[in-house]
Amino acid sequence: MPYVNIKITREGATAEQKAALIRGATQLLVDVLGKNPATTVVVIDEVDTDNWGIGGESVTVRRRAGR
């Protein structure tokens, strides 16, 4: 039973976009590894930009600075 965890920043991904990610990740496992889509689990975690850091700064700070 494959388990895929996708983490994205909480910035307005629509329900349709998330559904497309779930379908796409599931299909990738079917196509590449021959996994059963009925037992493939995909979880999307949305993280506030204050809680996601890159290079010692939060994404909130980086976006404010234009990086």
N, C-alpha and C. Protein backbone atom coordinates (compact mmCIF):
# COMPACT_ATOMS: atom_id res chain seq x y z
N MET A 1 0.84 -1.17 0.00
CA MET A 1 0.00 0.00 0.00
C MET A 1 0.89 1.24 0.00
N PRO A 2 1.09 1.89 -1.15
CA PRO A 2 1.91 3.11 -1.21
C PRO A 2 1.25 4.26 -0.45
N TYR A 3 2.08 5.08 0.15
CA TYR A 3 1.64 6.26 0.87
C TYR A 3 2.46 7.44 0.36
N VAL A 4 1.79 8.45 -0.16
CA VAL A 4 2.45 9.64 -0.68
C VAL A 4 2.01 10.82 0.17
N ASN A 5 2.98 11.62 0.63
CA ASN A 5 2.67 12.81 1.42
C ASN A 5 3.18 14.02 0.66
N ILE A 6 2.27 14.86 0.22
CA ILE A 6 2.61 16.08 -0.50
C ILE A 6 2.45 17.25 0.46
N LYS A 7 3.49 18.05 0.58
CA LYS A 7 3.43 19.23 1.45
C LYS A 7 3.53 20.47 0.58
N ILE A 8 2.55 21.37 0.76
CA ILE A 8 2.54 22.62 0.03
C ILE A 8 2.27 23.75 1.02
N THR A 9 2.66 24.96 0.63
CA THR A 9 2.33 26.09 1.49
C THR A 9 0.84 26.42 1.32
N ARG A 10 0.26 26.91 2.39
CA ARG A 10 -1.17 27.24 2.41
C ARG A 10 -1.35 28.60 1.74
N GLU A 11 -1.53 28.56 0.44
CA GLU A 11 -1.66 29.80 -0.33
C GLU A 11 -2.75 29.72 -1.38
N GLY A 12 -3.78 28.98 -1.07
CA GLY A 12 -4.94 29.01 -1.95
C GLY A 12 -5.02 27.97 -3.04
N ALA A 13 -4.39 26.82 -2.85
CA ALA A 13 -4.59 25.74 -3.82
C ALA A 13 -6.07 25.36 -3.78
N THR A 14 -6.67 25.27 -4.93
CA THR A 14 -8.10 24.97 -4.98
C THR A 14 -8.35 23.48 -4.77
N ALA A 15 -9.59 23.16 -4.47
CA ALA A 15 -9.97 21.75 -4.32
C ALA A 15 -9.70 20.99 -5.62
N GLU A 16 -9.92 21.64 -6.74
CA GLU A 16 -9.67 21.00 -8.05
C GLU A 16 -8.19 20.73 -8.25
N GLN A 17 -7.34 21.67 -7.86
CA GLN A 17 -5.89 21.47 -7.98
C GLN A 17 -5.42 20.33 -7.08
N LYS A 18 -5.95 20.28 -5.87
CA LYS A 18 -5.56 19.20 -4.96
C LYS A 18 -6.04 17.86 -5.48
N ALA A 19 -7.24 17.82 -6.04
CA ALA A 19 -7.75 16.58 -6.63
C ALA A 19 -6.85 16.13 -7.78
N ALA A 20 -6.37 17.08 -8.57
CA ALA A 20 -5.47 16.75 -9.68
C ALA A 20 -4.14 16.20 -9.16
N LEU A 21 -3.63 16.75 -8.06
CA LEU A 21 -2.41 16.22 -7.45
C LEU A 21 -2.62 14.78 -6.99
N ILE A 22 -3.75 14.52 -6.36
CA ILE A 22 -4.04 13.17 -5.86
C ILE A 22 -4.14 12.19 -7.03
N ARG A 23 -4.88 12.58 -8.06
CA ARG A 23 -5.00 11.71 -9.25
C ARG A 23 -3.64 11.48 -9.89
N GLY A 24 -2.87 12.56 -10.05
CA GLY A 24 -1.57 12.46 -10.72
C GLY A 24 -0.58 11.60 -9.97
N ALA A 25 -0.50 11.79 -8.65
CA ALA A 25 0.43 10.99 -7.84
C ALA A 25 0.03 9.52 -7.88
N THR A 26 -1.26 9.27 -7.79
CA THR A 26 -1.75 7.88 -7.85
C THR A 26 -1.40 7.25 -9.20
N GLN A 27 -1.66 7.98 -10.28
CA GLN A 27 -1.40 7.45 -11.62
C GLN A 27 0.08 7.22 -11.84
N LEU A 28 0.93 8.08 -11.30
CA LEU A 28 2.38 7.90 -11.42
C LEU A 28 2.82 6.58 -10.80
N LEU A 29 2.28 6.26 -9.62
CA LEU A 29 2.62 4.99 -8.98
C LEU A 29 2.10 3.79 -9.77
N VAL A 30 0.95 3.95 -10.39
CA VAL A 30 0.41 2.89 -11.26
C VAL A 30 1.34 2.70 -12.46
N ASP A 31 1.67 3.80 -13.13
CA ASP A 31 2.47 3.74 -14.36
C ASP A 31 3.90 3.28 -14.13
N VAL A 32 4.54 3.75 -13.08
CA VAL A 32 5.96 3.47 -12.88
C VAL A 32 6.19 2.17 -12.12
N LEU A 33 5.39 1.94 -11.09
CA LEU A 33 5.63 0.78 -10.22
C LEU A 33 4.56 -0.30 -10.31
N GLY A 34 3.53 -0.05 -11.10
CA GLY A 34 2.46 -1.05 -11.23
C GLY A 34 1.62 -1.20 -9.97
N LYS A 35 1.53 -0.15 -9.16
CA LYS A 35 0.78 -0.23 -7.90
C LYS A 35 -0.72 -0.17 -8.14
N ASN A 36 -1.45 -0.73 -7.23
CA ASN A 36 -2.91 -0.75 -7.29
C ASN A 36 -3.44 0.61 -6.82
N PRO A 37 -4.16 1.33 -7.67
CA PRO A 37 -4.66 2.63 -7.26
C PRO A 37 -5.66 2.55 -6.10
N ALA A 38 -6.33 1.42 -5.95
CA ALA A 38 -7.31 1.26 -4.88
C ALA A 38 -6.67 1.22 -3.50
N THR A 39 -5.36 0.92 -3.45
CA THR A 39 -4.69 0.85 -2.15
C THR A 39 -3.61 1.93 -2.00
N THR A 40 -3.62 2.90 -2.91
CA THR A 40 -2.65 3.99 -2.86
C THR A 40 -3.25 5.15 -2.09
N VAL A 41 -2.52 5.61 -1.09
CA VAL A 41 -2.97 6.71 -0.23
C VAL A 41 -2.16 7.95 -0.55
N VAL A 42 -2.84 9.07 -0.77
CA VAL A 42 -2.18 10.35 -1.01
C VAL A 42 -2.73 11.35 0.00
N VAL A 43 -1.84 12.00 0.73
CA VAL A 43 -2.22 13.00 1.73
C VAL A 43 -1.56 14.32 1.35
N ILE A 44 -2.33 15.39 1.38
CA ILE A 44 -1.80 16.72 1.12
C ILE A 44 -1.84 17.50 2.43
N ASP A 45 -0.67 17.95 2.87
CA ASP A 45 -0.56 18.80 4.05
C ASP A 45 -0.30 20.22 3.59
N GLU A 46 -1.12 21.15 4.06
CA GLU A 46 -0.91 22.56 3.76
C GLU A 46 -0.30 23.23 4.99
N VAL A 47 0.85 23.88 4.77
CA VAL A 47 1.62 24.46 5.86
C VAL A 47 1.60 25.98 5.72
N ASP A 48 1.31 26.68 6.82
CA ASP A 48 1.37 28.14 6.80
C ASP A 48 2.78 28.58 6.43
N THR A 49 2.89 29.68 5.67
CA THR A 49 4.20 30.14 5.23
C THR A 49 5.09 30.58 6.40
N ASP A 50 4.48 30.93 7.54
CA ASP A 50 5.27 31.24 8.73
C ASP A 50 5.97 29.99 9.28
N ASN A 51 5.45 28.83 8.95
CA ASN A 51 5.98 27.56 9.48
C ASN A 51 6.83 26.80 8.47
N TRP A 52 7.20 27.43 7.37
CA TRP A 52 8.00 26.79 6.33
C TRP A 52 9.23 27.66 6.11
N GLY A 53 10.40 27.13 6.35
CA GLY A 53 11.61 27.93 6.24
C GLY A 53 12.54 27.45 5.14
N ILE A 54 13.21 28.40 4.52
CA ILE A 54 14.21 28.13 3.49
C ILE A 54 15.39 29.06 3.75
N GLY A 55 16.56 28.53 3.85
CA GLY A 55 17.75 29.36 4.02
C GLY A 55 17.72 30.21 5.27
N GLY A 56 17.12 29.71 6.33
CA GLY A 56 17.11 30.43 7.60
C GLY A 56 16.01 31.47 7.73
N GLU A 57 15.12 31.54 6.73
CA GLU A 57 14.02 32.50 6.78
C GLU A 57 12.70 31.79 6.51
N SER A 58 11.64 32.34 7.06
CA SER A 58 10.32 31.78 6.74
C SER A 58 9.94 32.18 5.32
N VAL A 59 9.08 31.41 4.71
CA VAL A 59 8.60 31.73 3.37
C VAL A 59 7.87 33.08 3.39
N THR A 60 7.19 33.39 4.48
CA THR A 60 6.51 34.68 4.59
C THR A 60 7.51 35.82 4.41
N VAL A 61 8.63 35.76 5.12
CA VAL A 61 9.66 36.80 5.04
C VAL A 61 10.26 36.84 3.64
N ARG A 62 10.56 35.67 3.09
CA ARG A 62 11.15 35.61 1.75
C ARG A 62 10.23 36.20 0.71
N ARG A 63 8.95 35.89 0.79
CA ARG A 63 7.99 36.44 -0.20
C ARG A 63 7.87 37.95 -0.05
N ARG A 64 7.87 38.43 1.18
CA ARG A 64 7.78 39.87 1.43
C ARG A 64 9.00 40.58 0.82
N ALA A 65 10.15 39.91 0.86
CA ALA A 65 11.38 40.49 0.32
C ALA A 65 11.54 40.25 -1.18
N GLY A 66 10.59 39.56 -1.77
CA GLY A 66 10.65 39.31 -3.21
C GLY A 66 11.57 38.18 -3.62
N ARG A 67 11.86 37.27 -2.67
CA ARG A 67 12.72 36.12 -2.99
C ARG A 67 11.90 34.87 -3.16
